[in-house]
Protein backbone atom coordinates (compact mmCIF):
# COMPACT_ATOMS: atom_id res chain seq x y z
CA MET A 1 0.80 -10.70 18.06
CA PRO A 2 0.72 -14.52 17.58
CA MET A 3 -3.07 -14.60 17.77
CA TYR A 4 -3.28 -11.92 15.05
CA ILE A 5 -1.01 -13.97 12.81
CA LEU A 6 -3.17 -17.04 13.37
CA ARG A 7 -6.39 -15.08 12.80
CA ALA A 8 -5.04 -13.57 9.57
CA ASN A 9 -4.13 -17.03 8.29
CA PHE A 10 -7.49 -18.39 9.38
CA SER A 11 -9.34 -15.56 7.62
CA PHE A 12 -7.41 -16.13 4.41
CA LEU A 13 -8.10 -19.84 4.70
CA GLU A 14 -11.84 -19.21 5.04
CA ILE A 15 -11.85 -17.08 1.89
CA CYS A 16 -10.05 -19.84 -0.04
CA TYR A 17 -12.27 -22.53 1.48
CA ILE A 18 -15.45 -20.87 0.25
CA ASN A 19 -13.91 -20.23 -3.17
CA SER A 20 -13.27 -23.94 -3.66
CA THR A 21 -17.00 -24.69 -4.02
CA VAL A 22 -19.08 -21.53 -4.50
CA PRO A 23 -17.89 -20.60 -8.04
CA SER A 24 -18.77 -24.08 -9.29
CA MET A 25 -22.14 -23.93 -7.56
CA LEU A 26 -22.93 -20.50 -9.04
CA ALA A 27 -21.86 -21.63 -12.52
CA ASN A 28 -24.19 -24.63 -12.23
CA PHE A 29 -27.09 -22.45 -11.12
CA LEU A 30 -26.59 -20.12 -14.09
CA SER A 31 -26.09 -22.83 -16.70
CA GLU A 32 -28.49 -25.50 -17.88
CA SER A 33 -26.21 -28.41 -17.04
CA SER A 34 -25.14 -29.07 -13.48
CA THR A 35 -22.14 -31.28 -14.08
CA ILE A 36 -18.48 -31.24 -13.21
CA SER A 37 -15.67 -33.01 -15.05
CA PHE A 38 -13.70 -35.80 -13.38
CA SER A 39 -10.53 -33.73 -13.29
CA GLY A 40 -12.45 -30.74 -11.92
CA CYS A 41 -14.10 -33.02 -9.39
CA PHE A 42 -10.81 -34.41 -8.10
CA LEU A 43 -9.28 -30.94 -7.99
CA GLN A 44 -12.24 -29.58 -6.03
CA PHE A 45 -12.23 -32.67 -3.78
CA TYR A 46 -8.55 -32.15 -2.99
CA PHE A 47 -8.77 -28.41 -2.29
CA PHE A 48 -12.04 -28.57 -0.34
CA PHE A 49 -10.89 -31.32 2.01
CA SER A 50 -7.32 -30.03 2.28
CA MET A 51 -8.57 -26.63 3.36
CA GLY A 52 -11.00 -28.24 5.78
CA THR A 53 -8.14 -30.21 7.30
CA THR A 54 -5.97 -27.10 7.43
CA GLU A 55 -8.82 -25.37 9.25
CA THR A 56 -8.92 -28.04 11.95
CA PHE A 57 -5.16 -27.76 12.37
CA PHE A 58 -5.43 -23.97 12.73
CA LEU A 59 -8.21 -24.37 15.29
CA SER A 60 -5.93 -26.74 17.23
CA VAL A 61 -3.04 -24.27 17.16
CA MET A 62 -5.36 -21.45 18.22
CA ALA A 63 -6.62 -23.58 21.12
CA PHE A 64 -3.01 -24.28 22.10
CA ASP A 65 -2.28 -20.55 21.94
CA ARG A 66 -5.19 -19.78 24.28
CA TYR A 67 -4.09 -22.58 26.61
CA LEU A 68 -0.59 -21.10 26.84
CA ALA A 69 -1.89 -17.55 27.28
CA ILE A 70 -4.24 -18.49 30.13
CA CYS A 71 -2.59 -21.46 31.84
CA LYS A 72 1.09 -20.58 31.33
CA PRO A 73 1.13 -16.78 31.07
CA LEU A 74 4.76 -16.42 32.18
CA HIS A 75 5.97 -18.92 29.57
CA TYR A 76 3.75 -17.57 26.80
CA PRO A 77 6.15 -14.91 25.42
CA THR A 78 9.02 -17.40 25.20
CA ILE A 79 6.97 -20.22 23.63
CA MET A 80 4.67 -18.29 21.28
CA THR A 81 7.19 -16.08 19.57
CA VAL A 82 6.39 -14.68 16.14
CA GLN A 83 8.82 -17.18 14.62
CA ASN A 84 7.19 -20.16 16.37
CA CYS A 85 3.74 -18.88 15.44
CA CYS A 86 4.80 -18.60 11.78
CA ARG A 87 6.28 -22.10 11.95
CA MET A 88 3.05 -23.50 13.37
CA GLY A 89 1.03 -21.67 10.72
CA THR A 90 3.27 -23.02 7.97
CA GLY A 91 2.97 -26.48 9.50
CA CYS A 92 -0.83 -26.21 9.46
CA TRP A 93 -0.83 -25.26 5.78
CA ALA A 94 1.70 -27.95 4.82
CA CYS A 95 0.09 -30.75 6.82
CA GLY A 96 -3.40 -29.79 5.70
CA PHE A 97 -2.46 -30.01 2.04
CA MET A 98 -0.31 -33.11 2.43
CA CYS A 99 -2.90 -35.09 4.40
CA PHE A 100 -5.40 -35.51 1.58
CA LEU A 101 -2.96 -36.74 -1.04
CA LEU A 102 -3.50 -40.37 0.06
CA PRO A 103 -7.34 -40.34 -0.13
CA ILE A 104 -7.23 -38.57 -3.49
CA TYR A 105 -4.79 -41.16 -4.82
CA VAL A 106 -6.82 -44.10 -3.49
CA VAL A 107 -10.10 -42.80 -4.95
CA SER A 108 -8.47 -41.86 -8.27
CA GLN A 109 -7.29 -45.46 -8.73
CA LEU A 110 -10.87 -46.76 -8.85
CA PRO A 111 -12.16 -47.84 -12.26
CA PHE A 112 -14.87 -45.47 -13.48
CA CYS A 113 -17.04 -46.73 -16.32
CA CYS A 114 -19.38 -43.77 -16.82
CA ALA A 115 -18.91 -40.59 -18.81
CA ASN A 116 -16.30 -38.07 -17.76
CA LYS A 117 -18.96 -35.78 -16.23
CA ILE A 118 -20.45 -35.96 -12.74
CA GLU A 119 -23.96 -34.71 -11.92
CA HIS A 120 -22.94 -32.67 -8.87
CA PHE A 121 -21.54 -29.23 -8.19
CA LEU A 122 -19.75 -30.44 -5.04
CA CYS A 123 -17.42 -33.35 -5.41
CA ASP A 124 -17.77 -35.53 -2.33
CA PRO A 125 -16.02 -38.89 -1.88
CA GLY A 126 -19.27 -40.80 -1.24
CA PRO A 127 -20.94 -40.13 -4.59
CA LEU A 128 -17.58 -40.36 -6.32
CA ILE A 129 -16.91 -43.85 -4.95
CA LYS A 130 -20.44 -44.90 -5.95
CA LEU A 131 -19.61 -44.02 -9.58
CA SER A 132 -16.97 -46.74 -9.63
CA CYS A 133 -17.62 -49.77 -11.86
CA GLU A 134 -16.63 -52.15 -9.08
CA PRO A 135 -17.61 -52.14 -5.41
CA ALA A 136 -14.89 -50.45 -3.36
CA PRO A 137 -15.45 -51.25 0.32
CA GLY A 138 -11.71 -51.10 0.97
CA THR A 139 -11.50 -47.56 -0.36
CA GLU A 140 -14.53 -46.51 1.66
CA ILE A 141 -13.02 -47.98 4.84
CA ILE A 142 -9.65 -46.31 4.21
CA CYS A 143 -11.30 -42.91 3.65
CA ALA A 144 -13.57 -43.32 6.69
CA ILE A 145 -10.74 -44.32 9.03
CA TYR A 146 -8.52 -41.56 7.68
CA ASN A 147 -11.21 -38.94 8.27
CA LEU A 148 -12.08 -40.27 11.72
CA VAL A 149 -8.47 -40.15 12.86
CA LEU A 150 -8.05 -36.57 11.63
CA ILE A 151 -11.34 -35.34 13.03
CA PHE A 152 -11.17 -37.03 16.42
CA SER A 153 -7.50 -36.28 17.07
CA THR A 154 -7.96 -32.56 16.47
CA PHE A 155 -11.28 -32.58 18.32
CA LEU A 156 -9.69 -34.23 21.37
CA PHE A 157 -6.76 -31.80 21.29
CA ILE A 158 -9.04 -28.75 21.10
CA THR A 159 -11.38 -30.10 23.76
CA SER A 160 -8.57 -30.96 26.16
CA SER A 161 -7.01 -27.51 25.67
CA TYR A 162 -10.24 -25.76 26.54
CA ILE A 163 -10.96 -28.08 29.46
CA LEU A 164 -7.58 -27.09 30.89
CA VAL A 165 -8.41 -23.42 30.30
CA ILE A 166 -11.77 -23.79 32.05
CA LYS A 167 -10.10 -25.58 34.98
CA ALA A 168 -7.56 -22.77 35.29
CA VAL A 169 -10.27 -20.10 35.19
CA LEU A 170 -12.35 -21.93 37.82
CA ARG A 171 -9.33 -22.17 40.13
CA VAL A 172 -9.01 -18.39 40.26
CA PRO A 173 -10.65 -17.05 43.45
CA SER A 174 -13.77 -15.04 42.61
CA ALA A 175 -12.52 -11.84 44.27
CA GLU A 176 -9.40 -11.83 42.07
CA GLY A 177 -11.28 -13.24 39.05
């Protein structure tokens, strides 16, 4: 049951994730101008990266679930109860959407001296920082470090979970396996 709850959340997240960029892209393909407003850009930037972060958190929780199911099968029913699974899912959503408040705030404080339209359908921090009137190496470093910490910490957690699963599977004698 916990894996179905996680998969349902993950499926809903994927639908929302795609809907944060595709409608803007389709509107730009159908119209003559391919621009996005600053407010629309920041909104898309926030939702796109928040959902991406939420996705990495869900993948980490799903890896933990598989680790418990394979490596600790007797403890699995007591640890991964429906309540704990719902708590972890809620934590993924909350943390994913809270994590990108700082980068959005830091980038939004930059002075922009161009028009209030951006020539992109996808609002990415790189081109957005380049539109600033002043060089912003500090903002670029903050965003890069922030992203690296999020990406590598979840990557290491997922990788270590699956390494432990592979070790457990390899320890099973082949006749019983």
